[in-house]
């Protein structure tokens, strides 16, 4: 029996029951759900699945929690700031529950896979009626039904069955940009990272399921498709079929259509020459490679359990530059990892200078309970970490400005994405993932076009529609 049929048998009954209940219980003509998402693109994709199930249960959607019969926060556990935002926002909606007692408030996502977090929710937020972790997504209709009918708070987490549950519906947020998960979980266990503990071990979707979803997106007019995984380079491990990420990428790229194919995130230890060659030869594959290096110091990389060296990272980057001269490289950096010295940090700065990244996602180290790094000696003061952080930002601004300036006068193929805050300006995006501000009519949104770059800033470009458009 297929996983799709299994899902249908287990959950469709609950979907129908919830729909019947909410016809009576809804405050308006139709029940309304407010879903808020924190964190990474994988959480966004999970929320699209949850909204797909809610839509099947008869819900419409609202951005205003005051109007909602069901409020859900899909949470992130990667950094302390994200957790603090969740707790603050959950506390702020206590008044809604008091005003409308029938409103069901729920929390899901990565934070809910941590026992100490769930205990705090249980004890300090009694108005939260439903809590479930990342491994329970496929059971959402049953959990919602029990919450509406059982009279008891529902808490479920930590039942990772290592399966991939296909056939779950989606209600996508965008009309032309789509997220496509290809695998879940992580086996790397970097010493600072909570993800393997809250997302579970690596498990890949079958290539046939991925290709079918890719075709649906392309045939549905989606122009920008991003393949998602905690480490997409590990795709294929554990599958009966013998397939690598590079092979999967080539299969999707061979589908006819007018679209750009992106992926994230790519781990440096598994980023092969084959993958770079696949990008170079691709018809639709973006020339943007996000390759987090985290630290330029081999000593810190070893403490982080990253399983590559500075030399290996630079070899990979230099090969990518050679094969794809126009490649746009971005990365993640952690400043102030426990035990990082000034010399370690200078090695990070020198790597940033040597590579010349388009942009960086930079973070001051955030302690995560349950990870090895959380108990490491950390003598560096917060003031020193902040000072280093500012030096890194200043250096990257200089590099990014120089790179953007080098693109002035070129013609770039872009996807027009959204209205900018300035009247008459549309934000577009290059294959290399750089934003371009263009004076254009709103009718171009969701389409590709050519733009001549006329000016540049630190992070963005400015351009005008090419005469050939």
Protein backbone atom coordinates (compact mmCIF):
# COMPACT_ATOMS: atom_id res chain seq x y z
CA UNK A 1 0.00 0.00 0.00
CA UNK A 2 1.45 3.42 -0.95
CA UNK A 3 2.18 6.12 1.61
CA UNK A 4 -0.39 8.34 -0.14
CA UNK A 5 -3.14 5.78 0.41
CA UNK A 6 -2.00 5.26 4.00
CA UNK A 7 -2.28 8.98 4.67
CA UNK A 8 -5.71 9.10 3.04
CA UNK A 9 -7.04 6.26 5.15
CA UNK A 10 -5.66 7.60 8.42
CA UNK A 11 -6.43 11.29 8.03
CA UNK A 12 -9.33 11.91 5.63
CA UNK A 13 -11.86 10.84 8.23
CA UNK A 14 -10.49 13.41 10.67
CA UNK A 15 -10.45 16.08 7.96
CA UNK A 16 -14.15 15.50 7.31
CA UNK A 17 -14.98 15.47 11.04
CA UNK A 18 -13.15 18.74 11.68
CA UNK A 19 -14.92 20.32 8.70
CA UNK A 20 -18.29 19.34 10.20
CA UNK A 21 -17.36 20.66 13.64
CA UNK A 22 -16.09 23.99 12.33
CA UNK A 23 -19.24 24.61 10.31
CA UNK A 24 -20.97 24.96 13.68
CA UNK A 25 -18.13 26.35 15.78
CA UNK A 26 -16.83 29.08 13.43
CA UNK A 27 -17.49 32.66 14.48
CA UNK A 28 -18.16 33.74 10.89
CA UNK A 29 -19.54 32.13 7.77
CA UNK A 30 -16.38 30.07 7.42
CA UNK A 31 -13.71 29.19 10.00
CA UNK A 32 -10.59 31.33 9.78
CA UNK A 33 -7.01 30.25 10.51
CA UNK A 34 -4.03 32.49 11.19
CA UNK A 35 -0.70 30.72 10.56
CA UNK A 36 2.55 32.50 11.44
CA UNK A 37 5.91 31.04 10.46
CA UNK A 38 9.30 31.65 12.04
CA UNK A 39 12.69 30.53 10.80
CA UNK A 40 13.92 28.82 7.67
CA UNK A 41 12.42 27.94 4.31
CA UNK A 42 11.74 24.39 5.50
CA UNK A 43 9.40 25.84 8.11
CA UNK A 44 7.72 27.86 5.36
CA UNK A 45 7.23 24.64 3.37
CA UNK A 46 5.83 22.89 6.45
CA UNK A 47 3.38 25.74 6.99
CA UNK A 48 2.23 25.40 3.38
CA UNK A 49 1.44 21.75 4.12
CA UNK A 50 -0.44 22.65 7.31
CA UNK A 51 -2.43 25.28 5.42
CA UNK A 52 -3.18 22.70 2.74
CA UNK A 53 -4.74 20.43 5.35
CA UNK A 54 -6.60 23.33 6.96
CA UNK A 55 -8.03 24.29 3.57
CA UNK A 56 -9.31 20.72 3.14
CA UNK A 57 -10.98 21.09 6.54
CA UNK A 58 -12.91 24.13 5.30
CA UNK A 59 -10.73 26.93 6.69
CA UNK A 60 -10.06 30.25 5.04
CA UNK A 61 -7.09 32.32 6.14
CA UNK A 62 -6.47 35.65 7.82
CA UNK A 63 -3.38 37.63 8.82
CA UNK A 64 -5.21 39.03 11.85
CA UNK A 65 -5.19 36.68 14.87
CA UNK A 66 -8.11 38.64 16.38
CA UNK A 67 -10.37 37.28 13.61
CA UNK A 68 -9.12 33.68 13.73
CA UNK A 69 -10.84 30.58 15.06
CA UNK A 70 -7.47 28.80 14.94
CA UNK A 71 -4.08 30.43 15.58
CA UNK A 72 -0.88 28.51 14.86
CA UNK A 73 2.74 29.53 15.39
CA UNK A 74 5.25 27.37 13.49
CA UNK A 75 8.44 27.87 15.49
CA UNK A 76 12.21 27.96 14.98
CA UNK A 77 14.83 26.73 17.46
CA UNK A 78 18.05 27.68 15.68
CA UNK A 79 18.72 30.88 17.66
CA UNK A 80 17.63 32.26 21.02
CA UNK A 81 16.22 35.43 19.45
CA UNK A 82 13.70 33.39 17.41
CA UNK A 83 12.57 31.56 20.56
CA UNK A 84 12.18 34.81 22.50
CA UNK A 85 10.00 36.24 19.71
CA UNK A 86 7.73 33.21 19.87
CA UNK A 87 7.28 33.41 23.63
CA UNK A 88 6.60 37.14 23.43
CA UNK A 89 4.05 36.78 20.63
CA UNK A 90 2.30 33.82 22.28
CA UNK A 91 1.96 35.79 25.49
CA UNK A 92 0.51 38.70 23.53
CA UNK A 93 -2.42 36.66 22.21
CA UNK A 94 -3.61 35.53 25.65
CA UNK A 95 -6.18 38.33 25.50
CA UNK A 96 -7.65 36.85 22.30
CA UNK A 97 -8.33 33.56 24.05
CA UNK A 98 -9.93 35.44 26.94
CA UNK A 99 -12.14 37.43 24.58
CA UNK A 100 -13.00 34.45 22.36
CA UNK A 101 -12.77 31.24 24.45
CA UNK A 102 -13.55 29.01 21.46
CA UNK A 103 -10.35 30.11 19.68
CA UNK A 104 -7.80 27.29 19.56
CA UNK A 105 -4.16 28.35 19.94
CA UNK A 106 -1.47 25.94 18.74
CA UNK A 107 2.32 25.74 18.51
CA UNK A 108 4.33 23.47 16.25
CA UNK A 109 7.77 23.24 14.67
CA UNK A 110 11.32 22.85 15.89
CA UNK A 111 10.95 24.48 19.30
CA UNK A 112 8.25 21.95 20.14
CA UNK A 113 10.71 19.06 19.79
CA UNK A 114 12.63 20.30 22.85
CA UNK A 115 11.44 18.91 26.17
CA UNK A 116 12.38 21.98 28.25
CA UNK A 117 10.47 24.24 25.85
CA UNK A 118 7.37 22.05 25.86
CA UNK A 119 7.44 21.94 29.68
CA UNK A 120 7.58 25.72 29.80
CA UNK A 121 4.64 25.98 27.39
CA UNK A 122 2.63 23.50 29.45
CA UNK A 123 3.26 25.29 32.74
CA UNK A 124 3.32 28.96 31.72
CA UNK A 125 0.88 29.17 28.80
CA UNK A 126 -2.25 27.19 29.81
CA UNK A 127 -4.29 28.85 27.04
CA UNK A 128 -2.24 26.99 24.39
CA UNK A 129 -4.35 23.94 23.56
CA UNK A 130 -2.31 22.10 20.92
CA UNK A 131 1.44 21.47 20.68
CA UNK A 132 3.12 19.16 18.16
CA UNK A 133 6.65 18.69 16.87
CA UNK A 134 8.16 18.43 13.40
CA UNK A 135 7.74 14.65 13.27
CA UNK A 136 3.97 14.81 13.79
CA UNK A 137 3.04 16.97 10.82
CA UNK A 138 1.22 14.15 9.02
CA UNK A 139 -0.97 13.61 12.11
CA UNK A 140 -2.19 17.19 12.26
CA UNK A 141 -5.86 16.48 11.29
CA UNK A 142 -6.18 13.87 14.05
CA UNK A 143 -4.53 16.17 16.60
CA UNK A 144 -6.79 19.07 15.64
CA UNK A 145 -9.87 16.86 15.93
CA UNK A 146 -8.83 15.69 19.41
CA UNK A 147 -8.16 19.28 20.47
CA UNK A 148 -11.63 20.37 19.35
CA UNK A 149 -13.49 17.46 20.91
CA UNK A 150 -11.46 15.97 23.75
CA UNK A 151 -11.59 18.76 26.27
CA UNK A 152 -7.88 18.24 27.01
CA UNK A 153 -4.73 19.93 25.80
CA UNK A 154 -2.93 17.89 23.14
CA UNK A 155 0.88 17.58 23.30
CA UNK A 156 2.78 15.31 20.89
CA UNK A 157 6.47 15.30 20.03
CA UNK A 158 9.47 13.05 19.53
CA UNK A 159 7.92 10.15 17.60
CA UNK A 160 10.33 10.21 14.63
CA UNK A 161 9.45 7.12 12.56
CA UNK A 162 12.18 7.92 9.98
CA UNK A 163 9.54 7.79 7.24
CA UNK A 164 8.74 10.31 4.55
CA UNK A 165 4.98 10.85 4.45
CA UNK A 166 3.94 11.67 0.89
CA UNK A 167 0.56 12.81 -0.35
CA UNK A 168 0.12 15.71 2.07
CA UNK A 169 -1.73 18.64 0.48
CA UNK A 170 -0.19 22.10 0.10
CA UNK A 171 -1.56 25.60 -0.02
CA UNK A 172 1.37 27.55 -1.45
CA UNK A 173 2.01 31.11 -0.33
CA UNK A 174 3.36 32.31 -3.67
CA UNK A 175 2.02 32.22 -7.21
CA UNK A 176 5.38 31.96 -8.98
CA UNK A 177 8.00 31.12 -6.30
CA UNK A 178 7.80 27.60 -4.88
CA UNK A 179 9.56 25.56 -2.18
CA UNK A 180 10.25 21.90 -2.93
CA UNK A 181 11.58 19.77 -0.03
CA UNK A 182 13.73 16.88 -1.25
CA UNK A 183 14.86 15.53 2.12
CA UNK A 184 14.40 16.04 5.85
CA UNK A 185 16.65 15.93 8.89
CA UNK A 186 20.41 16.08 9.33
CA UNK A 187 23.19 13.63 10.24
CA UNK A 188 26.02 16.14 10.61
CA UNK A 189 25.66 17.07 14.31
CA UNK A 190 27.64 20.29 14.17
CA UNK A 191 28.44 21.06 17.81
CA UNK A 192 26.49 24.34 17.88
CA UNK A 193 23.39 23.15 16.00
CA UNK A 194 20.08 21.91 17.41
CA UNK A 195 18.66 20.85 14.03
CA UNK A 196 19.51 17.09 14.16
CA UNK A 197 17.80 16.90 17.56
CA UNK A 198 14.59 18.63 16.46
CA UNK A 199 14.41 17.56 12.78
CA UNK A 200 15.69 14.01 13.19
CA UNK A 201 18.03 11.96 11.05
CA UNK A 202 18.35 12.33 7.30
CA UNK A 203 15.69 10.78 5.09
CA UNK A 204 15.22 11.49 1.40
CA UNK A 205 12.10 11.61 -0.74
CA UNK A 206 12.03 9.33 -3.77
CA UNK A 207 13.16 10.97 -6.99
CA UNK A 208 9.84 10.07 -8.65
CA UNK A 209 7.87 12.00 -5.99
CA UNK A 210 10.19 15.00 -6.30
CA UNK A 211 10.06 15.01 -10.08
CA UNK A 212 6.27 14.79 -10.04
CA UNK A 213 6.03 17.78 -7.70
CA UNK A 214 8.57 19.70 -9.80
CA UNK A 215 6.49 19.09 -12.94
CA UNK A 216 3.37 20.27 -11.12
CA UNK A 217 5.13 23.49 -10.12
CA UNK A 218 6.53 24.13 -13.60
CA UNK A 219 3.24 23.32 -15.33
CA UNK A 220 1.51 25.55 -12.79
CA UNK A 221 3.55 28.54 -13.91
CA UNK A 222 6.09 28.66 -11.08
CA UNK A 223 9.19 30.52 -12.23
CA UNK A 224 11.52 30.18 -9.24
CA UNK A 225 11.77 26.76 -7.58
CA UNK A 226 14.00 26.11 -4.57
CA UNK A 227 14.94 22.57 -3.53
CA UNK A 228 15.12 22.31 0.25
CA UNK A 229 17.14 20.15 2.64
CA UNK A 230 19.28 20.68 5.74
CA UNK A 231 22.12 19.35 3.57
CA UNK A 232 20.93 18.81 0.01
CA UNK A 233 24.32 17.29 -0.87
CA UNK A 234 23.40 14.26 1.27
CA UNK A 235 20.32 13.55 -0.83
CA UNK A 236 19.84 9.87 -1.70
CA UNK A 237 21.25 8.29 1.45
CA UNK A 238 19.02 5.44 2.59
CA UNK A 239 16.98 5.24 -0.61
CA UNK A 240 16.60 1.95 -2.45
CA UNK A 241 17.42 3.75 -5.70
CA UNK A 242 21.04 4.69 -6.33
CA UNK A 243 20.91 8.45 -6.90
CA UNK A 244 22.96 11.47 -5.84
CA UNK A 245 21.94 15.09 -5.49
CA UNK A 246 23.78 15.97 -8.69
CA UNK A 247 21.81 13.31 -10.57
CA UNK A 248 18.53 14.57 -9.11
CA UNK A 249 19.42 18.12 -10.09
CA UNK A 250 20.10 17.04 -13.67
CA UNK A 251 16.77 15.17 -13.85
CA UNK A 252 14.79 18.23 -12.70
CA UNK A 253 16.81 20.56 -14.93
CA UNK A 254 15.89 18.40 -17.95
CA UNK A 255 12.17 19.27 -17.53
CA UNK A 256 11.16 21.74 -20.22
CA UNK A 257 9.87 25.11 -19.10
CA UNK A 258 10.78 28.69 -18.29
CA UNK A 259 12.02 28.62 -14.71
CA UNK A 260 15.04 29.02 -12.42
CA UNK A 261 16.09 26.12 -10.18
CA UNK A 262 17.76 26.90 -6.84
CA UNK A 263 18.72 24.81 -3.82
CA UNK A 264 19.74 25.21 -0.19
CA UNK A 265 21.58 24.43 1.93
CA UNK A 266 24.78 22.92 0.56
CA UNK A 267 27.34 21.59 3.08
CA UNK A 268 30.99 22.29 2.12
CA UNK A 269 32.21 18.82 3.10
CA UNK A 270 29.88 17.25 0.52
CA UNK A 271 30.02 19.90 -2.22
CA UNK A 272 31.64 17.95 -5.03
CA UNK A 273 33.18 18.92 -8.36
CA UNK A 274 30.35 16.90 -9.94
CA UNK A 275 27.79 19.22 -8.35
CA UNK A 276 29.62 22.32 -9.57
CA UNK A 277 29.91 20.80 -13.06
CA UNK A 278 26.15 20.13 -12.99
CA UNK A 279 25.45 23.79 -12.14
CA UNK A 280 27.80 24.94 -14.91
CA UNK A 281 26.07 22.74 -17.50
CA UNK A 282 22.52 23.42 -16.33
CA UNK A 283 19.82 24.99 -18.47
CA UNK A 284 17.74 26.29 -15.56
CA UNK A 285 20.06 26.04 -12.52
CA UNK A 286 20.83 29.30 -10.70
CA UNK A 287 24.41 30.54 -10.68
CA UNK A 288 24.05 31.24 -6.95
CA UNK A 289 25.74 28.85 -4.51
CA UNK A 290 25.09 29.23 -0.78
CA UNK A 291 27.99 27.45 0.93
CA UNK A 292 28.20 28.14 4.70
CA UNK A 293 31.76 28.08 6.03
CA UNK A 294 30.97 29.36 9.59
CA UNK A 295 34.63 30.06 10.51
CA UNK A 296 37.92 30.57 8.69
CA UNK A 297 39.90 28.91 11.48
CA UNK A 298 40.67 25.18 11.25
CA UNK A 299 40.81 25.02 15.04
CA UNK A 300 37.29 26.41 15.38
CA UNK A 301 36.00 24.31 12.48
CA UNK A 302 37.19 21.21 14.34
CA UNK A 303 35.44 22.34 17.53
CA UNK A 304 32.33 22.95 15.44
CA UNK A 305 32.55 19.39 14.02
CA UNK A 306 32.27 20.73 10.49
CA UNK A 307 34.44 17.98 8.93
CA UNK A 308 36.27 20.18 6.42
CA UNK A 309 39.24 22.52 6.54
CA UNK A 310 39.81 26.06 5.36
CA UNK A 311 41.97 24.63 2.55
CA UNK A 312 39.20 22.25 1.42
CA UNK A 313 36.63 25.06 1.44
CA UNK A 314 38.82 27.35 -0.63
CA UNK A 315 39.60 24.55 -3.10
CA UNK A 316 35.87 24.03 -3.64
CA UNK A 317 35.21 27.75 -4.05
CA UNK A 318 38.10 28.22 -6.47
CA UNK A 319 36.90 25.31 -8.58
CA UNK A 320 33.42 26.86 -8.68
CA UNK A 321 34.85 30.23 -9.76
CA UNK A 322 36.86 28.54 -12.50
CA UNK A 323 33.92 26.53 -13.87
CA UNK A 324 31.29 29.27 -13.40
CA UNK A 325 32.97 32.69 -13.73
CA UNK A 326 29.71 34.55 -13.02
CA UNK A 327 28.93 32.52 -9.86
CA UNK A 328 27.46 34.38 -6.89
CA UNK A 329 28.70 32.97 -3.59
CA UNK A 330 26.99 33.52 -0.24
CA UNK A 331 27.68 32.01 3.16
CA UNK A 332 26.88 31.82 6.88
CA UNK A 333 29.31 32.90 9.60
CA UNK A 334 29.13 32.45 13.36
CA UNK A 335 31.03 35.09 15.33
CA UNK A 336 32.07 34.35 18.90
CA UNK A 337 31.89 30.56 18.92
CA UNK A 338 33.06 29.30 22.36
CA UNK A 339 36.84 29.66 22.57
CA UNK A 340 37.21 31.80 19.44
CA UNK A 341 40.32 33.99 19.79
CA UNK A 342 41.20 37.20 17.98
CA UNK A 343 43.54 35.19 15.75
CA UNK A 344 40.74 32.75 14.89
CA UNK A 345 38.49 35.65 13.98
CA UNK A 346 41.18 37.28 11.81
CA UNK A 347 41.33 34.03 9.83
CA UNK A 348 37.59 34.37 9.21
CA UNK A 349 38.09 37.94 7.98
CA UNK A 350 40.90 36.87 5.67
CA UNK A 351 38.75 34.11 4.15
CA UNK A 352 35.91 36.57 3.55
CA UNK A 353 38.36 38.87 1.77
CA UNK A 354 39.88 36.08 -0.29
CA UNK A 355 36.55 34.67 -1.52
CA UNK A 356 34.70 37.94 -2.14
CA UNK A 357 31.17 36.86 -1.21
CA UNK A 358 28.13 38.54 -2.72
CA UNK A 359 26.51 38.60 0.70
CA UNK A 360 26.76 36.93 4.11
CA UNK A 361 24.34 35.79 6.78
CA UNK A 362 26.20 36.65 9.97
CA UNK A 363 25.29 35.68 13.52
CA UNK A 364 26.74 36.02 16.98
CA UNK A 365 26.91 32.54 18.56
CA UNK A 366 23.67 31.55 20.28
CA UNK A 367 23.84 28.80 22.92
CA UNK A 368 21.43 25.93 22.24
CA UNK A 369 20.56 23.67 25.19
CA UNK A 370 21.42 20.05 24.42
CA UNK A 371 24.27 20.72 21.98
CA UNK A 372 27.96 20.02 22.77
CA UNK A 373 28.92 23.68 22.28
CA UNK A 374 26.51 24.75 25.02
CA UNK A 375 28.85 23.35 27.70
CA UNK A 376 32.14 24.54 26.14
CA UNK A 377 34.20 27.16 27.93
CA UNK A 378 33.35 30.59 26.52
CA UNK A 379 35.64 33.29 27.99
CA UNK A 380 35.03 35.95 25.33
CA UNK A 381 32.83 38.81 26.50
CA UNK A 382 29.66 39.88 24.73
CA UNK A 383 31.29 43.25 24.06
CA UNK A 384 34.22 41.60 22.25
CA UNK A 385 31.86 39.46 20.18
CA UNK A 386 29.80 42.49 19.19
CA UNK A 387 32.94 44.41 18.21
CA UNK A 388 34.09 41.53 16.00
CA UNK A 389 30.64 41.28 14.47
CA UNK A 390 30.71 44.94 13.46
CA UNK A 391 34.16 44.56 11.90
CA UNK A 392 32.87 41.64 9.83
CA UNK A 393 29.82 43.60 8.67
CA UNK A 394 31.98 46.57 7.69
CA UNK A 395 34.34 44.36 5.66
CA UNK A 396 31.49 42.58 3.85
CA UNK A 397 29.79 45.88 3.00
CA UNK A 398 33.00 47.00 1.28
CA UNK A 399 33.30 43.71 -0.65
CA UNK A 400 29.61 43.62 -1.63
CA UNK A 401 29.68 47.23 -2.83
CA UNK A 402 32.71 46.50 -5.03
CA UNK A 403 31.07 43.38 -6.47
CA UNK A 404 27.79 45.19 -7.18
CA UNK A 405 29.67 48.08 -8.81
CA UNK A 406 31.40 45.62 -11.17
CA UNK A 407 27.97 44.66 -12.57
CA UNK A 408 27.06 48.19 -13.69
CA UNK A 409 26.65 48.23 -17.47
CA UNK A 410 25.85 44.52 -17.75
CA UNK A 411 22.53 43.08 -18.88
CA UNK A 412 20.96 40.62 -16.44
CA UNK A 413 18.07 38.23 -16.83
CA UNK A 414 15.82 38.76 -13.81
CA UNK A 415 12.57 37.58 -12.31
CA UNK A 416 10.30 40.50 -11.40
CA UNK A 417 9.09 39.64 -7.88
CA UNK A 418 7.22 42.40 -6.07
CA UNK A 419 6.43 46.07 -5.69
CA UNK A 420 9.12 48.01 -3.88
CA UNK A 421 8.34 50.56 -1.20
CA UNK A 422 9.15 53.31 -3.70
CA UNK A 423 6.31 54.16 -6.10
CA UNK A 424 6.77 52.80 -9.60
CA UNK A 425 9.67 50.53 -8.63
CA UNK A 426 9.64 46.73 -8.90
CA UNK A 427 12.10 44.50 -7.06
CA UNK A 428 13.60 41.89 -9.37
CA UNK A 429 16.15 39.13 -8.72
CA UNK A 430 19.06 37.89 -10.79
CA UNK A 431 20.08 34.27 -11.24
CA UNK A 432 22.84 35.05 -8.74
CA UNK A 433 20.21 36.04 -6.14
CA UNK A 434 20.92 39.78 -6.19
CA UNK A 435 18.00 42.23 -5.91
CA UNK A 436 17.61 44.81 -8.67
CA UNK A 437 15.33 47.85 -8.36
CA UNK A 438 13.67 48.54 -11.72
CA UNK A 439 11.20 51.20 -12.83
CA UNK A 440 8.41 49.15 -14.37
CA UNK A 441 4.68 48.49 -14.39
CA UNK A 442 3.23 45.97 -11.92
CA UNK A 443 2.14 43.80 -14.83
CA UNK A 444 5.71 42.44 -15.14
CA UNK A 445 5.57 40.79 -11.69
CA UNK A 446 5.92 37.02 -12.00
CA UNK A 447 7.72 37.12 -15.34
CA UNK A 448 11.31 37.05 -16.56
CA UNK A 449 12.92 39.94 -18.41
CA UNK A 450 16.23 41.60 -19.18
CA UNK A 451 17.48 44.58 -17.23
CA UNK A 452 20.51 46.77 -17.86
CA UNK A 453 22.29 47.59 -14.60
CA UNK A 454 22.72 51.36 -14.22
CA UNK A 455 23.78 51.83 -10.58
CA UNK A 456 24.71 49.89 -7.47
CA UNK A 457 24.70 50.04 -3.68
CA UNK A 458 26.17 47.81 -0.99
CA UNK A 459 23.62 45.02 -1.41
CA UNK A 460 21.34 45.85 -4.31
CA UNK A 461 21.49 46.98 -7.92
CA UNK A 462 19.46 49.48 -9.88
CA UNK A 463 18.55 49.01 -13.50
CA UNK A 464 16.22 49.80 -16.36
CA UNK A 465 14.28 47.57 -18.69
CA UNK A 466 16.48 46.50 -21.57
CA UNK A 467 15.31 47.81 -24.95
CA UNK A 468 15.10 44.24 -26.21
CA UNK A 469 12.38 43.34 -23.63
